[in-house]
Amino acid sequence: MSNVPDYAFDSVAEMVFALVLNLIRKVHIADMKLREGNFDWQNYVGNQLMGKTMGVIGTGSIGERVIQIAHGFNMNILSVTGHPREEKARKLGVKFVDMDTLLAESDIVTLHVPLTPSTEKMIGPKELAKMKKSAILINTARGRVVDETALVEALKRKEIRGAGLDVFEKEPLPADHPLTELENVVLTPHIAFLSEESLEECTYVCVENVEKFVAGRPQNIVNPEALAESRLP
């Protein structure tokens, strides 16, 4: 009857930058090659984040935290949101734009929207084609927000620079999935939320939910009708 809202948004937001920095500095490739005995550092020329443009799609708790961290890297920030108020733009230090502008101008595009009929495969062939060839796509939201088949083709053809993916259309990701064969992708098994701090926070709220229910003051209710039925004599 109760859930744990808004936990782990710090962990997810920080994971976005773990993926971004890995890709933009070619950390995963350098690590792999070094283990093979290749110390030719000239092959790993990357880029810095300072001065780059980050496009944040969705400005809920996680999206807002991503924006805060991006400011620490002195990045320019564009955002697409369902409620583009001028006051909110000033508060967050972002420029609200339409989707086409964000895709065309961003060096990093990061997704922070729930999976709904309107967001399913919101990043497909047309959207990927509008992105810079040097751009990186990050998805720590839901796998089905991205058209995976279209993304694989865009990555193979180098239509975008790379992708950092923590979520997938089908989980667990099959070992023979085409994504696993690409060097310009960093893949993690849906662990963006997973930190000691976020697990502790989740446990605390779960226990508090039970205590408040027993005390007759239920919190974080997601289905009031079930709560009403539980109180029937």
Protein backbone atom coordinates (compact mmCIF):
# COMPACT_ATOMS: atom_id res chain seq x y z
CA MET A 1 0.00 0.00 0.00
CA SER A 2 2.99 2.30 0.57
CA ASN A 3 6.10 2.91 -1.45
CA VAL A 4 9.42 4.72 -1.02
CA PRO A 5 9.28 7.89 -3.12
CA ASP A 6 12.26 9.96 -4.16
CA TYR A 7 14.98 7.73 -2.76
CA ALA A 8 18.29 7.20 -4.57
CA PHE A 9 18.03 10.28 -6.75
CA ASP A 10 21.52 11.35 -5.63
CA SER A 11 22.90 7.93 -6.51
CA VAL A 12 21.26 7.89 -9.94
CA ALA A 13 22.39 11.44 -10.74
CA GLU A 14 25.97 10.64 -9.78
CA MET A 15 25.86 7.50 -11.92
CA VAL A 16 24.98 9.67 -14.92
CA PHE A 17 28.33 11.39 -14.57
CA ALA A 18 30.16 8.12 -13.95
CA LEU A 19 28.90 6.97 -17.35
CA VAL A 20 29.55 10.33 -19.03
CA LEU A 21 33.13 10.64 -17.77
CA ASN A 22 33.85 7.02 -18.64
CA LEU A 23 32.76 7.61 -22.23
CA ILE A 24 34.14 11.09 -22.80
CA ARG A 25 37.57 10.12 -21.42
CA LYS A 26 37.53 6.58 -22.89
CA VAL A 27 38.23 5.06 -19.48
CA HIS A 28 36.69 1.67 -20.26
CA ILE A 29 38.68 1.31 -23.48
CA ALA A 30 41.94 2.44 -21.87
CA ASP A 31 41.46 -0.03 -19.03
CA MET A 32 40.77 -2.90 -21.42
CA LYS A 33 43.74 -2.10 -23.68
CA LEU A 34 46.12 -1.61 -20.76
CA ARG A 35 45.21 -5.05 -19.42
CA GLU A 36 46.21 -6.37 -22.86
CA GLY A 37 49.62 -4.71 -22.53
CA ASN A 38 48.93 -1.62 -24.67
CA PHE A 39 50.27 1.53 -22.97
CA ASP A 40 50.00 3.79 -26.02
CA TRP A 41 48.35 6.74 -24.31
CA GLN A 42 48.01 8.69 -27.55
CA ASN A 43 45.08 6.45 -28.51
CA TYR A 44 42.95 7.74 -25.64
CA VAL A 45 42.57 11.44 -26.33
CA GLY A 46 39.28 12.46 -24.76
CA ASN A 47 37.39 15.62 -24.00
CA GLN A 48 36.63 17.69 -20.93
CA LEU A 49 33.14 18.50 -19.72
CA MET A 50 33.75 22.17 -18.98
CA GLY A 51 32.01 24.28 -21.58
CA LYS A 52 30.07 21.38 -23.06
CA THR A 53 26.27 21.41 -23.28
CA MET A 54 24.20 18.91 -21.35
CA GLY A 55 20.61 18.26 -22.41
CA VAL A 56 18.45 17.03 -19.54
CA ILE A 57 15.13 15.50 -20.52
CA GLY A 58 12.90 15.61 -17.46
CA THR A 59 13.35 17.80 -14.38
CA GLY A 60 12.05 15.72 -11.53
CA SER A 61 14.19 15.01 -8.45
CA ILE A 62 16.85 13.15 -10.44
CA GLY A 63 16.90 15.58 -13.34
CA GLU A 64 17.30 18.52 -10.98
CA ARG A 65 20.21 16.82 -9.19
CA VAL A 66 21.88 16.12 -12.53
CA ILE A 67 21.56 19.81 -13.37
CA GLN A 68 23.16 20.78 -10.05
CA ILE A 69 26.13 18.50 -10.67
CA ALA A 70 26.49 19.74 -14.26
CA HIS A 71 26.87 23.28 -12.95
CA GLY A 72 29.87 22.03 -10.96
CA PHE A 73 31.52 21.11 -14.27
CA ASN A 74 30.76 24.58 -15.67
CA MET A 75 28.52 23.11 -18.34
CA ASN A 76 25.80 24.82 -20.34
CA ILE A 77 22.46 23.18 -19.61
CA LEU A 78 19.39 22.79 -21.79
CA SER A 79 16.27 21.02 -20.64
CA VAL A 80 12.98 19.67 -21.89
CA THR A 81 10.23 19.51 -19.31
CA GLY A 82 6.47 19.29 -19.21
CA HIS A 83 6.28 22.48 -17.16
CA PRO A 84 8.83 24.99 -18.54
CA ARG A 85 8.23 27.89 -16.17
CA GLU A 86 10.58 30.87 -16.33
CA GLU A 87 10.90 30.92 -12.55
CA LYS A 88 12.01 27.29 -12.53
CA ALA A 89 14.52 27.96 -15.32
CA ARG A 90 16.10 30.74 -13.25
CA LYS A 91 16.15 28.61 -10.12
CA LEU A 92 17.82 25.67 -11.89
CA GLY A 93 20.07 27.78 -14.11
CA VAL A 94 18.89 26.13 -17.30
CA LYS A 95 17.36 27.10 -20.61
CA PHE A 96 14.12 25.31 -21.38
CA VAL A 97 13.91 24.42 -25.07
CA ASP A 98 11.98 22.11 -27.35
CA MET A 99 13.17 18.58 -28.02
CA ASP A 100 14.61 19.30 -31.46
CA THR A 101 16.76 22.13 -30.12
CA LEU A 102 18.01 20.05 -27.21
CA LEU A 103 18.96 17.12 -29.43
CA ALA A 104 20.71 19.32 -31.99
CA GLU A 105 22.72 21.40 -29.53
CA SER A 106 23.61 19.01 -26.70
CA ASP A 107 26.92 17.21 -26.32
CA ILE A 108 25.37 14.89 -23.75
CA VAL A 109 21.68 13.93 -23.69
CA THR A 110 20.49 12.32 -20.46
CA LEU A 111 17.01 10.87 -19.89
CA HIS A 112 15.05 11.31 -16.65
CA VAL A 113 11.43 10.55 -17.49
CA PRO A 114 9.05 7.80 -16.36
CA LEU A 115 7.92 5.15 -18.80
CA THR A 116 4.47 6.12 -20.11
CA PRO A 117 2.73 5.71 -23.47
CA SER A 118 4.02 9.18 -24.42
CA THR A 119 7.65 8.48 -23.47
CA GLU A 120 7.98 4.92 -24.81
CA LYS A 121 10.67 4.97 -27.53
CA MET A 122 10.79 8.75 -27.34
CA ILE A 123 14.39 8.44 -28.54
CA GLY A 124 14.15 6.67 -31.89
CA PRO A 125 15.70 6.92 -35.36
CA LYS A 126 14.49 10.48 -36.02
CA GLU A 127 15.70 11.75 -32.66
CA LEU A 128 19.09 10.05 -32.92
CA ALA A 129 19.55 11.53 -36.39
CA LYS A 130 19.10 15.02 -34.93
CA MET A 131 21.92 14.57 -32.40
CA LYS A 132 25.52 15.64 -32.99
CA LYS A 133 27.87 12.94 -34.25
CA SER A 134 30.01 13.78 -31.21
CA ALA A 135 27.09 13.44 -28.77
CA ILE A 136 26.63 10.89 -26.00
CA LEU A 137 23.27 9.44 -24.90
CA ILE A 138 22.78 8.43 -21.26
CA ASN A 139 19.81 6.36 -20.10
CA THR A 140 19.33 5.67 -16.40
CA ALA A 141 15.53 6.03 -16.63
CA ARG A 142 13.75 3.08 -18.26
CA GLY A 143 14.97 0.90 -21.10
CA ARG A 144 11.90 1.27 -23.27
CA VAL A 145 12.25 5.04 -23.38
CA VAL A 146 14.87 4.37 -26.08
CA ASP A 147 14.35 2.42 -29.30
CA GLU A 148 17.19 -0.02 -28.71
CA THR A 149 17.34 -1.30 -32.27
CA ALA A 150 17.67 2.23 -33.62
CA LEU A 151 20.33 3.04 -31.03
CA VAL A 152 22.42 0.02 -31.98
CA GLU A 153 22.35 1.08 -35.63
CA ALA A 154 23.26 4.67 -34.77
CA LEU A 155 26.19 3.48 -32.67
CA LYS A 156 27.42 1.06 -35.33
CA ARG A 157 27.31 3.77 -37.98
CA LYS A 158 28.95 6.30 -35.60
CA GLU A 159 25.97 8.59 -36.03
CA ILE A 160 26.49 9.47 -32.36
CA ARG A 161 29.67 9.14 -30.34
CA GLY A 162 28.49 6.72 -27.69
CA ALA A 163 25.95 5.68 -25.10
CA GLY A 164 25.92 4.92 -21.40
CA LEU A 165 23.07 2.56 -20.53
CA ASP A 166 21.98 1.29 -17.13
CA VAL A 167 18.54 0.11 -18.29
CA PHE A 168 17.35 -1.95 -21.23
CA GLU A 169 14.23 -2.96 -23.11
CA LYS A 170 14.70 -6.52 -21.84
CA GLU A 171 16.34 -7.24 -18.50
CA PRO A 172 18.58 -9.05 -17.83
CA LEU A 173 20.31 -7.94 -21.02
CA PRO A 174 20.99 -11.07 -23.12
CA ALA A 175 24.68 -11.93 -23.25
CA ASP A 176 24.57 -12.00 -27.06
CA HIS A 177 22.81 -8.64 -27.42
CA PRO A 178 24.35 -6.43 -30.16
CA LEU A 179 25.09 -3.74 -27.58
CA THR A 180 27.65 -6.00 -25.92
CA GLU A 181 29.75 -6.04 -29.09
CA LEU A 182 30.22 -2.27 -29.30
CA GLU A 183 33.21 -0.39 -27.86
CA ASN A 184 31.44 2.97 -27.83
CA VAL A 185 28.97 1.82 -25.18
CA VAL A 186 29.22 1.47 -21.41
CA LEU A 187 26.70 -0.99 -19.97
CA THR A 188 25.71 -1.49 -16.33
CA PRO A 189 23.06 -3.91 -14.97
CA HIS A 190 20.42 -1.46 -13.64
CA ILE A 191 22.57 -0.36 -10.71
CA ALA A 192 22.33 3.43 -10.88
CA PHE A 193 20.21 3.45 -7.71
CA LEU A 194 22.51 1.03 -5.91
CA SER A 195 24.66 2.60 -3.22
CA GLU A 196 25.05 1.88 0.47
CA GLU A 197 23.50 5.25 1.22
CA SER A 198 20.45 4.73 -0.98
CA LEU A 199 19.81 1.23 0.41
CA GLU A 200 20.00 2.60 3.94
CA GLU A 201 17.57 5.36 3.02
CA CYS A 202 15.16 2.88 1.42
CA THR A 203 15.27 0.59 4.45
CA TYR A 204 14.64 3.49 6.82
CA VAL A 205 11.56 4.68 4.92
CA CYS A 206 10.20 1.11 4.61
CA VAL A 207 10.43 0.65 8.39
CA GLU A 208 8.88 4.08 8.94
CA ASN A 209 6.01 3.17 6.59
CA VAL A 210 5.24 0.11 8.71
CA GLU A 211 5.49 2.04 11.98
CA LYS A 212 3.21 4.81 10.72
CA PHE A 213 0.68 2.24 9.46
CA VAL A 214 0.59 0.45 12.80
CA ALA A 215 0.16 3.80 14.55
CA GLY A 216 -2.80 4.60 12.30
CA ARG A 217 -0.98 7.33 10.39
CA PRO A 218 -0.09 5.63 7.09
CA GLN A 219 2.25 7.51 4.76
CA ASN A 220 3.37 7.26 1.13
CA ILE A 221 0.08 5.58 0.16
CA VAL A 222 -0.14 4.54 -3.48
CA ASN A 223 -3.53 2.78 -3.50
CA PRO A 224 -5.97 4.31 -0.99
CA GLU A 225 -8.68 1.82 -1.93
CA ALA A 226 -6.56 -1.06 -0.60
CA LEU A 227 -5.97 0.87 2.60
CA ALA A 228 -9.72 1.38 3.03
CA GLU A 229 -10.37 -2.34 2.49
CA SER A 230 -7.73 -3.26 5.07
CA ARG A 231 -9.68 -1.34 7.70
CA LEU A 232 -12.98 -3.16 7.11
CA PRO A 233 -14.24 -5.09 10.16
